[in-house]
């Protein structure tokens, strides 16, 4: 029990650090931990590492909204929240935005747990019925997103190009003798780590002075947004390869979020982002398949998730989201006050050095080809920069990258 509490505490601590550092993707950190699994499992149990990764994922999902809202450096799961969040920041309502994200995160986790009993009954047989037609669903949803997330025909053309070539690149990497940990770590670091940081280094966000926080009114719109985030995360349980960025489109529709209603949008996306961290792992028990990068790593660590593991994951997620909510409020208020002092550019450079150094370390450890890893990292970074340059969403990268990973390693 003490080991499990220690794992949860360490996961929360690391999740806070990674969530507040711009450009660090949770799957990059997960890949780093997974690559170190042989060493960690020599000291602790598989459950220790699983709880660490889950606590890290839940905490990161909540804390990453702070740099997304205040610095304009979005993570893949929060990219859709930048404009609504910036609108509130420019109005001097950053503290309110952080609290809305916290309400959505905690509410999403609670709603997911409330829905678990009926999902135990409905999800397994329903999944069995639609599994033979899963590829049709994936194609239809992919087409819908390519159309919805594109501003015009030119951006749609770029989206199709990114969609196809990033998918081919993912399949190519996963067909090599590289371990899943090193392959995913390299791709995620390029697609969502180095590319996002490099792009953000060229921007100098101007944050106006924030007004004093006066409170948040939890009305029907906010509750509907919480429900939208939780429901969207369960629907994503059917779709391998689709995560928070893709589900954000669905959550936006369910929440009825409009351009003049950034509050509901932030709540819905935060609820989706955080509850998905838990539900993508619960699908291991419900349908036997993971639905996120972190869940894939845990499925490799724990062979056969049973009821005891389920209760352990639920307890860890509740503890993590409770602690992360308190930390998010404190950290958000503090960062609002010291925005002019923190040198995030210098932090970003050190993060990039750490990312590249970590990949080099595990490449040497595995005896993998350094030129191949370097070429993969450079190519994935270039693909990650393209969406910023041509004005399309990184969702086009994320969806296709994970689909072949899940098909190859776990099966739809």
Protein backbone atom coordinates (compact mmCIF):
# COMPACT_ATOMS: atom_id res chain seq x y z
CA UNK A 1 0.00 0.00 0.00
CA UNK A 2 2.83 2.41 0.81
CA UNK A 3 4.46 1.65 -2.53
CA UNK A 4 1.19 2.43 -4.36
CA UNK A 5 0.77 5.72 -2.47
CA UNK A 6 4.37 6.58 -3.31
CA UNK A 7 3.73 5.81 -6.98
CA UNK A 8 0.65 8.04 -6.97
CA UNK A 9 2.53 10.86 -5.27
CA UNK A 10 5.44 10.62 -7.71
CA UNK A 11 3.03 10.51 -10.66
CA UNK A 12 1.29 13.65 -9.42
CA UNK A 13 4.63 15.39 -8.90
CA UNK A 14 5.97 14.52 -12.36
CA UNK A 15 2.58 15.34 -13.93
CA UNK A 16 2.70 18.81 -12.40
CA UNK A 17 6.18 19.42 -13.79
CA UNK A 18 5.41 18.11 -17.28
CA UNK A 19 2.05 19.85 -17.38
CA UNK A 20 3.57 23.24 -16.61
CA UNK A 21 6.51 22.90 -19.03
CA UNK A 22 5.46 24.01 -22.52
CA UNK A 23 5.69 21.47 -25.31
CA UNK A 24 6.08 18.32 -23.20
CA UNK A 25 3.57 15.71 -24.39
CA UNK A 26 2.36 13.18 -21.84
CA UNK A 27 3.03 10.30 -24.22
CA UNK A 28 6.65 11.44 -24.56
CA UNK A 29 7.03 11.18 -20.78
CA UNK A 30 5.16 7.86 -20.81
CA UNK A 31 7.49 6.53 -23.48
CA UNK A 32 10.49 7.56 -21.39
CA UNK A 33 9.10 5.73 -18.33
CA UNK A 34 8.16 2.70 -20.40
CA UNK A 35 11.66 2.53 -21.86
CA UNK A 36 12.96 2.45 -18.26
CA UNK A 37 10.47 -0.27 -17.23
CA UNK A 38 13.04 -3.05 -16.99
CA UNK A 39 14.98 -1.08 -14.40
CA UNK A 40 11.92 0.18 -12.48
CA UNK A 41 10.31 -3.28 -12.34
CA UNK A 42 13.50 -4.59 -10.77
CA UNK A 43 12.74 -2.37 -7.76
CA UNK A 44 8.93 -2.15 -7.71
CA UNK A 45 5.84 -4.10 -8.78
CA UNK A 46 4.06 -3.66 -12.15
CA UNK A 47 1.19 -2.02 -10.26
CA UNK A 48 3.60 0.62 -8.97
CA UNK A 49 4.59 1.64 -12.49
CA UNK A 50 0.99 1.48 -13.73
CA UNK A 51 -0.28 3.75 -10.95
CA UNK A 52 2.62 6.13 -11.55
CA UNK A 53 1.73 6.41 -15.25
CA UNK A 54 -2.00 6.83 -14.58
CA UNK A 55 -1.46 9.51 -11.90
CA UNK A 56 1.00 11.25 -14.21
CA UNK A 57 -1.51 11.17 -17.09
CA UNK A 58 -4.46 12.52 -15.06
CA UNK A 59 -2.39 15.27 -13.42
CA UNK A 60 -0.74 16.28 -16.69
CA UNK A 61 -4.13 16.44 -18.44
CA UNK A 62 -5.31 19.06 -15.95
CA UNK A 63 -2.13 21.08 -15.43
CA UNK A 64 -1.33 21.39 -19.15
CA UNK A 65 -4.20 23.86 -19.45
CA UNK A 66 -2.19 26.48 -17.57
CA UNK A 67 0.56 27.01 -20.19
CA UNK A 68 -2.08 26.50 -22.89
CA UNK A 69 -4.29 29.25 -21.49
CA UNK A 70 -1.61 31.67 -20.27
CA UNK A 71 1.27 31.13 -22.67
CA UNK A 72 -0.39 30.10 -25.89
CA UNK A 73 1.74 26.95 -26.10
CA UNK A 74 -0.88 24.22 -26.54
CA UNK A 75 -0.52 20.49 -26.13
CA UNK A 76 -2.19 18.16 -28.62
CA UNK A 77 -5.06 17.56 -26.21
CA UNK A 78 -5.61 21.27 -25.48
CA UNK A 79 -4.92 22.86 -28.86
CA UNK A 80 -8.61 23.54 -29.45
CA UNK A 81 -8.87 25.55 -26.22
CA UNK A 82 -6.29 28.18 -27.13
CA UNK A 83 -8.59 30.73 -28.76
CA UNK A 84 -11.39 30.56 -26.13
CA UNK A 85 -8.80 30.61 -23.36
CA UNK A 86 -6.90 33.53 -24.85
CA UNK A 87 -10.14 35.46 -25.14
CA UNK A 88 -10.63 35.18 -21.39
CA UNK A 89 -6.98 35.98 -20.67
CA UNK A 90 -7.16 39.11 -22.82
CA UNK A 91 -10.22 40.12 -20.80
CA UNK A 92 -8.22 39.73 -17.58
CA UNK A 93 -10.07 36.53 -16.60
CA UNK A 94 -7.20 34.04 -16.56
CA UNK A 95 -7.89 32.93 -12.99
CA UNK A 96 -11.50 32.22 -13.91
CA UNK A 97 -10.37 30.22 -16.95
CA UNK A 98 -8.11 28.05 -14.80
CA UNK A 99 -10.98 27.38 -12.39
CA UNK A 100 -13.30 26.45 -15.25
CA UNK A 101 -10.73 23.96 -16.52
CA UNK A 102 -10.43 22.54 -13.01
CA UNK A 103 -14.21 22.17 -12.69
CA UNK A 104 -14.34 20.38 -16.02
CA UNK A 105 -11.49 18.02 -15.10
CA UNK A 106 -12.87 16.99 -11.71
CA UNK A 107 -16.43 16.77 -13.03
CA UNK A 108 -15.37 14.68 -16.01
CA UNK A 109 -13.64 12.08 -13.83
CA UNK A 110 -16.63 11.87 -11.46
CA UNK A 111 -19.10 11.53 -14.35
CA UNK A 112 -16.98 8.77 -15.91
CA UNK A 113 -17.12 6.80 -12.66
CA UNK A 114 -20.89 7.34 -12.36
CA UNK A 115 -21.38 5.94 -15.87
CA UNK A 116 -19.24 2.86 -15.23
CA UNK A 117 -22.04 0.51 -14.01
CA UNK A 118 -24.18 0.83 -17.18
CA UNK A 119 -21.03 0.76 -19.32
CA UNK A 120 -20.11 -2.60 -17.79
CA UNK A 121 -23.36 -3.95 -19.20
CA UNK A 122 -23.62 -2.12 -22.51
CA UNK A 123 -20.08 -1.54 -23.79
CA UNK A 124 -18.66 -5.10 -24.19
CA UNK A 125 -21.56 -6.54 -26.29
CA UNK A 126 -21.95 -3.29 -28.24
CA UNK A 127 -18.25 -3.24 -29.03
CA UNK A 128 -18.47 -6.84 -30.18
CA UNK A 129 -21.20 -5.87 -32.64
CA UNK A 130 -19.42 -2.91 -34.18
CA UNK A 131 -15.86 -4.33 -34.13
CA UNK A 132 -16.08 -5.87 -37.63
CA UNK A 133 -17.10 -2.46 -38.97
CA UNK A 134 -14.62 -0.42 -36.96
CA UNK A 135 -12.57 0.50 -39.99
CA UNK A 136 -15.64 2.09 -41.59
CA UNK A 137 -16.24 4.19 -38.47
CA UNK A 138 -12.60 5.28 -38.41
CA UNK A 139 -12.70 6.31 -42.07
CA UNK A 140 -15.94 8.24 -41.62
CA UNK A 141 -14.75 10.04 -38.48
CA UNK A 142 -11.41 10.83 -40.14
CA UNK A 143 -13.18 12.32 -43.16
CA UNK A 144 -15.48 14.30 -40.89
CA UNK A 145 -12.51 15.75 -39.03
CA UNK A 146 -10.61 16.54 -42.21
CA UNK A 147 -13.59 18.58 -43.37
CA UNK A 148 -14.52 20.12 -40.01
CA UNK A 149 -11.03 21.22 -38.97
CA UNK A 150 -10.13 22.74 -42.34
CA UNK A 151 -10.81 26.41 -43.05
CA UNK A 152 -10.79 26.15 -46.83
CA UNK A 153 -9.86 23.83 -49.69
CA UNK A 154 -6.16 24.68 -49.43
CA UNK A 155 -5.97 23.82 -45.73
CA UNK A 156 -7.99 20.66 -46.41
CA UNK A 157 -5.44 19.61 -49.03
CA UNK A 158 -2.62 20.12 -46.53
CA UNK A 159 -4.60 18.22 -43.93
CA UNK A 160 -4.97 15.24 -46.27
CA UNK A 161 -1.25 15.32 -47.06
CA UNK A 162 -0.32 15.43 -43.36
CA UNK A 163 -2.89 12.76 -42.56
CA UNK A 164 -1.54 10.32 -45.15
CA UNK A 165 2.19 10.89 -44.76
CA UNK A 166 2.20 10.93 -40.95
CA UNK A 167 0.24 7.68 -41.01
CA UNK A 168 2.69 6.10 -43.43
CA UNK A 169 5.55 7.27 -41.27
CA UNK A 170 3.96 5.72 -38.19
CA UNK A 171 3.45 2.39 -39.96
CA UNK A 172 7.04 2.46 -41.22
CA UNK A 173 8.47 2.99 -37.73
CA UNK A 174 6.24 0.33 -36.17
CA UNK A 175 7.31 -2.20 -38.80
CA UNK A 176 10.97 -1.92 -37.77
CA UNK A 177 12.66 -3.98 -35.01
CA UNK A 178 12.58 -0.89 -32.73
CA UNK A 179 10.90 -1.41 -29.37
CA UNK A 180 7.46 0.22 -29.01
CA UNK A 181 8.84 2.50 -26.31
CA UNK A 182 11.67 3.95 -28.40
CA UNK A 183 9.55 4.19 -31.56
CA UNK A 184 6.71 6.03 -29.83
CA UNK A 185 9.09 8.21 -27.88
CA UNK A 186 10.86 9.37 -31.05
CA UNK A 187 7.63 10.04 -32.97
CA UNK A 188 5.84 11.81 -30.13
CA UNK A 189 8.89 13.92 -29.33
CA UNK A 190 9.04 15.12 -32.93
CA UNK A 191 5.34 15.50 -33.66
CA UNK A 192 4.29 17.17 -30.42
CA UNK A 193 7.41 18.01 -28.41
CA UNK A 194 10.22 19.61 -30.40
CA UNK A 195 7.93 21.03 -33.08
CA UNK A 196 5.64 22.78 -30.59
CA UNK A 197 8.54 24.22 -28.61
CA UNK A 198 10.38 25.40 -31.75
CA UNK A 199 7.24 27.14 -32.96
CA UNK A 200 6.53 28.73 -29.58
CA UNK A 201 10.09 30.11 -29.34
CA UNK A 202 9.27 32.41 -32.25
CA UNK A 203 6.26 33.95 -30.49
CA UNK A 204 6.33 36.44 -27.64
CA UNK A 205 2.94 36.30 -25.94
CA UNK A 206 1.73 39.54 -24.39
CA UNK A 207 -0.33 38.87 -21.27
CA UNK A 208 -2.30 41.83 -19.91
CA UNK A 209 -2.64 42.38 -16.17
CA UNK A 210 -5.21 39.97 -14.78
CA UNK A 211 -8.11 41.21 -12.70
CA UNK A 212 -8.98 39.92 -9.28
CA UNK A 213 -10.88 36.63 -9.30
CA UNK A 214 -14.54 37.16 -8.41
CA UNK A 215 -15.89 33.61 -8.55
CA UNK A 216 -17.38 31.10 -11.01
CA UNK A 217 -21.10 30.46 -11.31
CA UNK A 218 -21.84 26.78 -11.91
CA UNK A 219 -25.06 27.00 -13.91
CA UNK A 220 -26.82 24.72 -16.35
CA UNK A 221 -24.41 25.55 -19.17
CA UNK A 222 -21.39 24.56 -17.09
CA UNK A 223 -23.04 21.31 -15.98
CA UNK A 224 -23.92 20.53 -19.59
CA UNK A 225 -20.32 21.16 -20.58
CA UNK A 226 -19.09 18.78 -17.86
CA UNK A 227 -21.53 16.13 -19.11
CA UNK A 228 -20.37 16.72 -22.69
CA UNK A 229 -16.74 16.13 -21.79
CA UNK A 230 -17.52 12.94 -19.87
CA UNK A 231 -19.82 11.54 -22.57
CA UNK A 232 -17.34 12.35 -25.34
CA UNK A 233 -14.60 10.44 -23.51
CA UNK A 234 -16.77 7.30 -23.32
CA UNK A 235 -17.70 7.53 -26.99
CA UNK A 236 -14.00 7.72 -27.84
CA UNK A 237 -13.67 4.32 -26.16
CA UNK A 238 -15.07 2.83 -29.35
CA UNK A 239 -12.58 4.52 -31.63
CA UNK A 240 -8.96 3.33 -31.52
CA UNK A 241 -6.50 6.10 -32.28
CA UNK A 242 -8.75 9.04 -31.46
CA UNK A 243 -8.01 11.10 -28.39
CA UNK A 244 -8.83 14.43 -26.74
CA UNK A 245 -8.11 16.64 -29.75
CA UNK A 246 -10.49 14.62 -31.91
CA UNK A 247 -13.06 14.26 -29.15
CA UNK A 248 -12.97 18.01 -28.64
CA UNK A 249 -15.00 18.45 -31.80
CA UNK A 250 -17.65 16.10 -30.43
CA UNK A 251 -17.56 17.68 -26.96
CA UNK A 252 -18.01 21.12 -28.50
CA UNK A 253 -21.18 19.98 -30.25
CA UNK A 254 -22.57 18.22 -27.16
CA UNK A 255 -21.85 21.24 -24.95
CA UNK A 256 -23.42 23.67 -27.39
CA UNK A 257 -20.26 25.78 -27.18
CA UNK A 258 -20.28 28.87 -29.36
CA UNK A 259 -17.67 31.49 -30.18
CA UNK A 260 -19.26 33.83 -27.63
CA UNK A 261 -19.18 31.15 -24.94
CA UNK A 262 -15.54 30.29 -24.17
CA UNK A 263 -16.48 29.14 -20.65
CA UNK A 264 -18.46 26.09 -21.77
CA UNK A 265 -15.84 25.18 -24.34
CA UNK A 266 -13.01 25.18 -21.79
CA UNK A 267 -15.04 23.13 -19.29
CA UNK A 268 -16.05 20.56 -21.91
CA UNK A 269 -12.55 20.11 -23.33
CA UNK A 270 -10.93 19.94 -19.89
CA UNK A 271 -13.48 17.32 -18.80
CA UNK A 272 -12.83 15.30 -21.94
CA UNK A 273 -9.06 15.60 -21.67
CA UNK A 274 -8.89 14.42 -18.04
CA UNK A 275 -11.63 11.78 -18.03
CA UNK A 276 -10.13 10.32 -21.21
CA UNK A 277 -6.90 9.72 -19.28
CA UNK A 278 -8.87 7.34 -17.03
CA UNK A 279 -11.42 5.90 -19.44
CA UNK A 280 -8.84 5.04 -22.10
CA UNK A 281 -7.31 2.78 -19.45
CA UNK A 282 -10.62 1.36 -18.20
CA UNK A 283 -11.27 0.04 -21.71
CA UNK A 284 -8.51 -2.47 -20.97
CA UNK A 285 -10.94 -4.08 -18.51
CA UNK A 286 -14.17 -3.45 -20.44
CA UNK A 287 -13.16 -4.51 -23.96
CA UNK A 288 -9.57 -5.69 -23.54
CA UNK A 289 -8.02 -2.87 -25.57
CA UNK A 290 -6.23 0.35 -24.52
CA UNK A 291 -7.25 3.67 -26.02
CA UNK A 292 -4.27 5.97 -25.38
CA UNK A 293 -0.50 5.91 -25.44
CA UNK A 294 -0.30 5.67 -21.64
CA UNK A 295 -2.90 2.87 -21.65
CA UNK A 296 -0.86 0.99 -24.25
CA UNK A 297 2.21 1.19 -22.01
CA UNK A 298 0.24 -0.02 -18.98
CA UNK A 299 -1.20 -2.90 -21.02
CA UNK A 300 2.36 -3.99 -21.76
CA UNK A 301 3.32 -3.74 -18.07
CA UNK A 302 0.27 -5.50 -16.57
CA UNK A 303 -0.85 -8.59 -18.44
CA UNK A 304 -4.53 -9.14 -17.75
CA UNK A 305 -6.32 -6.28 -15.98
CA UNK A 306 -8.79 -7.66 -13.41
CA UNK A 307 -11.31 -6.14 -10.98
CA UNK A 308 -8.63 -5.45 -8.36
CA UNK A 309 -6.64 -3.46 -10.92
CA UNK A 310 -9.81 -1.61 -11.89
CA UNK A 311 -10.43 -0.50 -8.30
CA UNK A 312 -6.78 0.48 -7.98
CA UNK A 313 -6.93 2.65 -11.11
CA UNK A 314 -10.15 4.35 -9.99
CA UNK A 315 -8.71 5.15 -6.56
CA UNK A 316 -5.47 6.46 -8.04
CA UNK A 317 -7.30 8.67 -10.53
CA UNK A 318 -9.53 10.17 -7.83
CA UNK A 319 -6.52 10.93 -5.64
CA UNK A 320 -4.61 12.37 -8.59
CA UNK A 321 -7.41 14.64 -9.84
CA UNK A 322 -8.10 15.87 -6.29
CA UNK A 323 -4.47 16.82 -5.69
CA UNK A 324 -4.06 18.20 -9.22
CA UNK A 325 -7.14 20.41 -8.81
CA UNK A 326 -5.69 22.07 -5.72
CA UNK A 327 -2.28 22.46 -7.34
CA UNK A 328 -3.82 23.85 -10.55
CA UNK A 329 -5.63 26.60 -8.65
CA UNK A 330 -2.52 27.55 -6.67
CA UNK A 331 -0.13 27.32 -9.62
CA UNK A 332 -2.52 29.12 -11.98
CA UNK A 333 -2.92 32.07 -9.62
CA UNK A 334 0.83 32.24 -9.01
CA UNK A 335 1.74 32.14 -12.70
CA UNK A 336 -0.82 34.86 -13.41
CA UNK A 337 1.10 37.10 -11.02
CA UNK A 338 4.63 36.29 -12.22
CA UNK A 339 4.12 36.01 -15.97
CA UNK A 340 6.62 38.80 -16.61
CA UNK A 341 9.36 37.10 -14.57
CA UNK A 342 9.34 33.49 -15.83
CA UNK A 343 11.68 32.92 -18.76
CA UNK A 344 9.83 30.16 -20.60
CA UNK A 345 12.11 30.51 -23.59
CA UNK A 346 15.11 29.34 -21.57
CA UNK A 347 13.06 26.55 -20.01
CA UNK A 348 11.96 25.43 -23.48
CA UNK A 349 15.56 25.19 -24.73
CA UNK A 350 16.53 23.03 -21.76
CA UNK A 351 13.49 20.82 -22.36
CA UNK A 352 14.50 20.28 -25.99
CA UNK A 353 18.03 19.33 -24.95
CA UNK A 354 16.61 16.88 -22.41
CA UNK A 355 14.27 15.33 -25.02
CA UNK A 356 17.00 14.78 -27.60
CA UNK A 357 19.42 13.52 -24.96
CA UNK A 358 16.84 11.02 -23.67
CA UNK A 359 16.24 9.62 -27.15
CA UNK A 360 19.99 9.31 -27.72
CA UNK A 361 20.39 7.51 -24.39
CA UNK A 362 17.75 4.87 -25.15
CA UNK A 363 18.97 4.52 -28.74
CA UNK A 364 22.42 3.62 -27.46
CA UNK A 365 20.91 1.39 -24.77
CA UNK A 366 18.95 -0.62 -27.37
CA UNK A 367 21.76 -0.60 -29.89
CA UNK A 368 19.41 0.92 -32.46
CA UNK A 369 20.57 2.75 -35.57
CA UNK A 370 21.42 6.35 -34.64
CA UNK A 371 21.07 7.63 -38.25
CA UNK A 372 17.60 6.04 -38.53
CA UNK A 373 16.44 7.48 -35.18
CA UNK A 374 17.86 10.89 -36.10
CA UNK A 375 16.09 10.83 -39.48
CA UNK A 376 12.83 9.78 -37.79
CA UNK A 377 13.12 12.57 -35.22
CA UNK A 378 13.91 15.21 -37.85
CA UNK A 379 11.08 14.06 -40.13
CA UNK A 380 8.49 13.90 -37.33
CA UNK A 381 9.57 17.36 -36.10
CA UNK A 382 9.15 18.73 -39.62
CA UNK A 383 5.67 17.17 -39.84
CA UNK A 384 4.87 18.69 -36.46
CA UNK A 385 5.87 22.16 -37.66
CA UNK A 386 3.79 21.98 -40.83
CA UNK A 387 0.37 22.34 -39.14
CA UNK A 388 1.54 25.60 -37.54
CA UNK A 389 2.80 26.86 -40.89
CA UNK A 390 -0.17 25.91 -43.07
CA UNK A 391 -2.92 26.48 -40.52
CA UNK A 392 -4.33 23.01 -39.88
CA UNK A 393 -4.88 21.09 -36.66
CA UNK A 394 -2.35 18.66 -35.21
CA UNK A 395 -5.30 16.30 -34.78
CA UNK A 396 -4.58 15.20 -38.35
CA UNK A 397 -1.23 13.92 -37.14
CA UNK A 398 -2.34 12.38 -33.86
CA UNK A 399 -5.22 10.31 -35.18
CA UNK A 400 -3.30 8.48 -37.86
CA UNK A 401 -0.17 7.93 -35.80
CA UNK A 402 -1.94 6.07 -33.01
CA UNK A 403 -4.23 4.01 -35.25
CA UNK A 404 -1.44 1.84 -36.70
CA UNK A 405 0.19 1.59 -33.27
CA UNK A 406 -2.95 0.14 -31.70
CA UNK A 407 -3.74 -2.10 -34.66
CA UNK A 408 -0.23 -3.57 -34.76
CA UNK A 409 0.37 -4.02 -31.03
CA UNK A 410 -3.06 -4.67 -29.56
CA UNK A 411 -5.48 -5.28 -32.41
CA UNK A 412 -8.68 -3.30 -32.93
